[in-house]
Amino acid sequence: MKCPICGNEHTGKLSKSRYFCSDCFIEIFYSKSRELKILKILEDGTAFPVSMIEK
């Protein structure tokens, strides 16, 4: 899967339908309703939806 944030084509596969971009530190997956979900992984391991992160 290509990272929707930075375009990295070398995302890692975490499970059958979850991917991780090591450049952006995000987790990418599709919800049961086929909606693309992106979570930002913070240094302490917590994850937040990208829309909730302040820039």
PDB file of N, CA and C in Angstrom:
ATOM      1  N   MET A   1       0.847  -1.177   0.000  1.00  0.00           N
ATOM      2  CA  MET A   1       0.000   0.000   0.000  1.00  0.00           C
ATOM      3  C   MET A   1       0.888   1.234   0.000  1.00  0.00           C
ATOM      4  N   LYS A   2       0.488   2.229  -0.764  1.00  0.00           N
ATOM      5  CA  LYS A   2       1.201   3.505  -0.825  1.00  0.00           C
ATOM      6  C   LYS A   2       0.670   4.426   0.266  1.00  0.00           C
ATOM      7  N   CYS A   3       1.566   5.091   0.982  1.00  0.00           N
ATOM      8  CA  CYS A   3       1.173   6.003   2.054  1.00  0.00           C
ATOM      9  C   CYS A   3       0.399   7.184   1.471  1.00  0.00           C
ATOM     10  N   PRO A   4      -0.804   7.455   2.001  1.00  0.00           N
ATOM     11  CA  PRO A   4      -1.588   8.576   1.488  1.00  0.00           C
ATOM     12  C   PRO A   4      -1.064   9.945   1.929  1.00  0.00           C
ATOM     13  N   ILE A   5      -0.143   9.976   2.891  1.00  0.00           N
ATOM     14  CA  ILE A   5       0.409  11.238   3.385  1.00  0.00           C
ATOM     15  C   ILE A   5       1.666  11.634   2.616  1.00  0.00           C
ATOM     16  N   CYS A   6       2.662  10.755   2.577  1.00  0.00           N
ATOM     17  CA  CYS A   6       3.950  11.111   1.973  1.00  0.00           C
ATOM     18  C   CYS A   6       4.232  10.412   0.644  1.00  0.00           C
ATOM     19  N   GLY A   7       3.440   9.410   0.305  1.00  0.00           N
ATOM     20  CA  GLY A   7       3.644   8.701  -0.949  1.00  0.00           C
ATOM     21  C   GLY A   7       4.644   7.561  -0.873  1.00  0.00           C
ATOM     22  N   ASN A   8       5.147   7.253   0.319  1.00  0.00           N
ATOM     23  CA  ASN A   8       6.091   6.157   0.511  1.00  0.00           C
ATOM     24  C   ASN A   8       5.471   4.851   0.006  1.00  0.00           C
ATOM     25  N   GLU A   9       6.169   4.168  -0.909  1.00  0.00           N
ATOM     26  CA  GLU A   9       5.654   2.912  -1.456  1.00  0.00           C
ATOM     27  C   GLU A   9       6.124   1.699  -0.657  1.00  0.00           C
ATOM     28  N   HIS A  10       6.921   1.925   0.373  1.00  0.00           N
ATOM     29  CA  HIS A  10       7.472   0.827   1.162  1.00  0.00           C
ATOM     30  C   HIS A  10       6.868   0.795   2.559  1.00  0.00           C
ATOM     31  N   THR A  11       5.549   0.798   2.630  1.00  0.00           N
ATOM     32  CA  THR A  11       4.895   0.698   3.932  1.00  0.00           C
ATOM     33  C   THR A  11       4.977  -0.735   4.417  1.00  0.00           C
ATOM     34  N   GLY A  12       5.040  -0.902   5.728  1.00  0.00           N
ATOM     35  CA  GLY A  12       5.099  -2.230   6.307  1.00  0.00           C
ATOM     36  C   GLY A  12       3.705  -2.759   6.576  1.00  0.00           C
ATOM     37  N   LYS A  13       3.540  -4.053   6.443  1.00  0.00           N
ATOM     38  CA  LYS A  13       2.253  -4.686   6.678  1.00  0.00           C
ATOM     39  C   LYS A  13       2.201  -5.181   8.123  1.00  0.00           C
ATOM     40  N   LEU A  14       1.250  -4.664   8.892  1.00  0.00           N
ATOM     41  CA  LEU A  14       1.098  -5.059  10.292  1.00  0.00           C
ATOM     42  C   LEU A  14       0.210  -6.289  10.441  1.00  0.00           C
ATOM     43  N   SER A  15      -0.818  -6.369   9.622  1.00  0.00           N
ATOM     44  CA  SER A  15      -1.737  -7.505   9.617  1.00  0.00           C
ATOM     45  C   SER A  15      -2.357  -7.592   8.233  1.00  0.00           C
ATOM     46  N   LYS A  16      -3.399  -8.382   8.103  1.00  0.00           N
ATOM     47  CA  LYS A  16      -4.044  -8.588   6.807  1.00  0.00           C
ATOM     48  C   LYS A  16      -4.494  -7.284   6.163  1.00  0.00           C
ATOM     49  N   SER A  17      -4.951  -6.336   6.967  1.00  0.00           N
ATOM     50  CA  SER A  17      -5.493  -5.103   6.397  1.00  0.00           C
ATOM     51  C   SER A  17      -4.941  -3.825   7.035  1.00  0.00           C
ATOM     52  N   ARG A  18      -3.858  -3.928   7.790  1.00  0.00           N
ATOM     53  CA  ARG A  18      -3.264  -2.753   8.436  1.00  0.00           C
ATOM     54  C   ARG A  18      -1.826  -2.573   7.973  1.00  0.00           C
ATOM     55  N   TYR A  19      -1.481  -1.302   7.724  1.00  0.00           N
ATOM     56  CA  TYR A  19      -0.154  -0.961   7.221  1.00  0.00           C
ATOM     57  C   TYR A  19       0.442   0.148   8.071  1.00  0.00           C
ATOM     58  N   PHE A  20       1.776   0.264   8.022  1.00  0.00           N
ATOM     59  CA  PHE A  20       2.480   1.271   8.809  1.00  0.00           C
ATOM     60  C   PHE A  20       3.498   1.976   7.929  1.00  0.00           C
ATOM     61  N   CYS A  21       3.494   3.309   7.946  1.00  0.00           N
ATOM     62  CA  CYS A  21       4.496   4.098   7.223  1.00  0.00           C
ATOM     63  C   CYS A  21       5.544   4.564   8.233  1.00  0.00           C
ATOM     64  N   SER A  22       6.773   4.119   8.058  1.00  0.00           N
ATOM     65  CA  SER A  22       7.844   4.478   8.992  1.00  0.00           C
ATOM     66  C   SER A  22       8.357   5.894   8.741  1.00  0.00           C
ATOM     67  N   ASP A  23       8.021   6.496   7.605  1.00  0.00           N
ATOM     68  CA  ASP A  23       8.413   7.882   7.347  1.00  0.00           C
ATOM     69  C   ASP A  23       7.498   8.852   8.097  1.00  0.00           C
ATOM     70  N   CYS A  24       6.200   8.565   8.115  1.00  0.00           N
ATOM     71  CA  CYS A  24       5.207   9.453   8.749  1.00  0.00           C
ATOM     72  C   CYS A  24       4.808   9.008  10.155  1.00  0.00           C
ATOM     73  N   PHE A  25       5.146   7.767  10.530  1.00  0.00           N
ATOM     74  CA  PHE A  25       4.712   7.154  11.783  1.00  0.00           C
ATOM     75  C   PHE A  25       3.185   7.131  11.871  1.00  0.00           C
ATOM     76  N   ILE A  26       2.560   6.625  10.801  1.00  0.00           N
ATOM     77  CA  ILE A  26       1.113   6.491  10.794  1.00  0.00           C
ATOM     78  C   ILE A  26       0.728   5.042  10.512  1.00  0.00           C
ATOM     79  N   GLU A  27      -0.445   4.665  11.000  1.00  0.00           N
ATOM     80  CA  GLU A  27      -1.042   3.374  10.712  1.00  0.00           C
ATOM     81  C   GLU A  27      -2.206   3.625   9.768  1.00  0.00           C
ATOM     82  N   ILE A  28      -2.313   2.819   8.738  1.00  0.00           N
ATOM     83  CA  ILE A  28      -3.324   2.992   7.700  1.00  0.00           C
ATOM     84  C   ILE A  28      -4.164   1.712   7.637  1.00  0.00           C
ATOM     85  N   PHE A  29      -5.480   1.858   7.626  1.00  0.00           N
ATOM     86  CA  PHE A  29      -6.354   0.693   7.471  1.00  0.00           C
ATOM     87  C   PHE A  29      -7.733   1.136   7.007  1.00  0.00           C
ATOM     88  N   TYR A  30      -8.519   0.175   6.562  1.00  0.00           N
ATOM     89  CA  TYR A  30      -9.902   0.438   6.168  1.00  0.00           C
ATOM     90  C   TYR A  30     -10.825  -0.102   7.255  1.00  0.00           C
ATOM     91  N   SER A  31     -11.828   0.699   7.615  1.00  0.00           N
ATOM     92  CA  SER A  31     -12.802   0.282   8.620  1.00  0.00           C
ATOM     93  C   SER A  31     -13.745  -0.743   8.002  1.00  0.00           C
ATOM     94  N   LYS A  32     -14.602  -1.315   8.824  1.00  0.00           N
ATOM     95  CA  LYS A  32     -15.574  -2.293   8.333  1.00  0.00           C
ATOM     96  C   LYS A  32     -16.504  -1.687   7.291  1.00  0.00           C
ATOM     97  N   SER A  33     -16.716  -0.369   7.379  1.00  0.00           N
ATOM     98  CA  SER A  33     -17.569   0.320   6.409  1.00  0.00           C
ATOM     99  C   SER A  33     -16.759   0.804   5.194  1.00  0.00           C
ATOM    100  N   ARG A  34     -15.536   0.278   5.031  1.00  0.00           N
ATOM    101  CA  ARG A  34     -14.658   0.594   3.896  1.00  0.00           C
ATOM    102  C   ARG A  34     -14.187   2.047   3.867  1.00  0.00           C
ATOM    103  N   GLU A  35     -14.149   2.679   5.034  1.00  0.00           N
ATOM    104  CA  GLU A  35     -13.655   4.050   5.132  1.00  0.00           C
ATOM    105  C   GLU A  35     -12.171   4.002   5.494  1.00  0.00           C
ATOM    106  N   LEU A  36     -11.353   4.781   4.771  1.00  0.00           N
ATOM    107  CA  LEU A  36      -9.921   4.828   5.048  1.00  0.00           C
ATOM    108  C   LEU A  36      -9.684   5.514   6.387  1.00  0.00           C
ATOM    109  N   LYS A  37      -8.936   4.863   7.267  1.00  0.00           N
ATOM    110  CA  LYS A  37      -8.603   5.415   8.584  1.00  0.00           C
ATOM    111  C   LYS A  37      -7.092   5.586   8.673  1.00  0.00           C
ATOM    112  N   ILE A  38      -6.664   6.708   9.241  1.00  0.00           N
ATOM    113  CA  ILE A  38      -5.243   6.986   9.421  1.00  0.00           C
ATOM    114  C   ILE A  38      -5.029   7.402  10.867  1.00  0.00           C
ATOM    115  N   LEU A  39      -4.130   6.695  11.548  1.00  0.00           N
ATOM    116  CA  LEU A  39      -3.814   6.991  12.939  1.00  0.00           C
ATOM    117  C   LEU A  39      -2.352   7.409  13.048  1.00  0.00           C
ATOM    118  N   LYS A  40      -2.094   8.460  13.786  1.00  0.00           N
ATOM    119  CA  LYS A  40      -0.727   8.906  14.065  1.00  0.00           C
ATOM    120  C   LYS A  40      -0.247   8.175  15.311  1.00  0.00           C
ATOM    121  N   ILE A  41       0.908   7.538  15.236  1.00  0.00           N
ATOM    122  CA  ILE A  41       1.486   6.824  16.362  1.00  0.00           C
ATOM    123  C   ILE A  41       2.494   7.750  17.033  1.00  0.00           C
ATOM    124  N   LEU A  42       2.274   8.049  18.297  1.00  0.00           N
ATOM    125  CA  LEU A  42       3.155   8.938  19.039  1.00  0.00           C
ATOM    126  C   LEU A  42       4.296   8.163  19.690  1.00  0.00           C
ATOM    127  N   GLU A  43       5.267   8.870  20.220  1.00  0.00           N
ATOM    128  CA  GLU A  43       6.449   8.235  20.819  1.00  0.00           C
ATOM    129  C   GLU A  43       6.116   7.274  21.955  1.00  0.00           C
ATOM    130  N   ASP A  44       5.057   7.583  22.713  1.00  0.00           N
ATOM    131  CA  ASP A  44       4.697   6.714  23.838  1.00  0.00           C
ATOM    132  C   ASP A  44       3.812   5.545  23.419  1.00  0.00           C
ATOM    133  N   GLY A  45       3.544   5.409  22.115  1.00  0.00           N
ATOM    134  CA  GLY A  45       2.773   4.287  21.606  1.00  0.00           C
ATOM    135  C   GLY A  45       1.285   4.555  21.461  1.00  0.00           C
ATOM    136  N   THR A  46       0.817   5.703  21.918  1.00  0.00           N
ATOM    137  CA  THR A  46      -0.597   6.011  21.761  1.00  0.00           C
ATOM    138  C   THR A  46      -0.882   6.389  20.308  1.00  0.00           C
ATOM    139  N   ALA A  47      -2.126   6.183  19.906  1.00  0.00           N
ATOM    140  CA  ALA A  47      -2.530   6.463  18.532  1.00  0.00           C
ATOM    141  C   ALA A  47      -3.718   7.412  18.524  1.00  0.00           C
ATOM    142  N   PHE A  48      -3.662   8.379  17.627  1.00  0.00           N
ATOM    143  CA  PHE A  48      -4.737   9.357  17.483  1.00  0.00           C
ATOM    144  C   PHE A  48      -5.126   9.467  16.021  1.00  0.00           C
ATOM    145  N   PRO A  49      -6.418   9.622  15.732  1.00  0.00           N
ATOM    146  CA  PRO A  49      -6.814   9.874  14.329  1.00  0.00           C
ATOM    147  C   PRO A  49      -6.115  11.132  13.824  1.00  0.00           C
ATOM    148  N   VAL A  50      -5.681  11.126  12.587  1.00  0.00           N
ATOM    149  CA  VAL A  50      -4.932  12.239  12.026  1.00  0.00           C
ATOM    150  C   VAL A  50      -5.707  13.535  12.130  1.00  0.00           C
ATOM    151  N   SER A  51      -7.013  13.524  11.991  1.00  0.00           N
ATOM    152  CA  SER A  51      -7.810  14.750  12.040  1.00  0.00           C
ATOM    153  C   SER A  51      -7.794  15.414  13.409  1.00  0.00           C
ATOM    154  N   MET A  52      -7.404  14.680  14.466  1.00  0.00           N
ATOM    155  CA  MET A  52      -7.405  15.226  15.829  1.00  0.00           C
ATOM    156  C   MET A  52      -6.056  15.811  16.217  1.00  0.00           C
ATOM    157  N   ILE A  53      -5.046  15.635  15.405  1.00  0.00           N
ATOM    158  CA  ILE A  53      -3.699  16.081  15.742  1.00  0.00           C
ATOM    159  C   ILE A  53      -3.542  17.548  15.347  1.00  0.00           C
ATOM    160  N   GLU A  54      -3.063  18.342  16.304  1.00  0.00           N
ATOM    161  CA  GLU A  54      -2.816  19.756  16.020  1.00  0.00           C
ATOM    162  C   GLU A  54      -1.470  19.912  15.351  1.00  0.00           C
ATOM    163  N   LYS A  55      -1.413  20.812  14.378  1.00  0.00           N
ATOM    164  CA  LYS A  55      -0.159  21.030  13.656  1.00  0.00           C
ATOM    165  C   LYS A  55       0.513  22.269  14.157  1.00  0.00           C
TER     166      LYS A  55
END
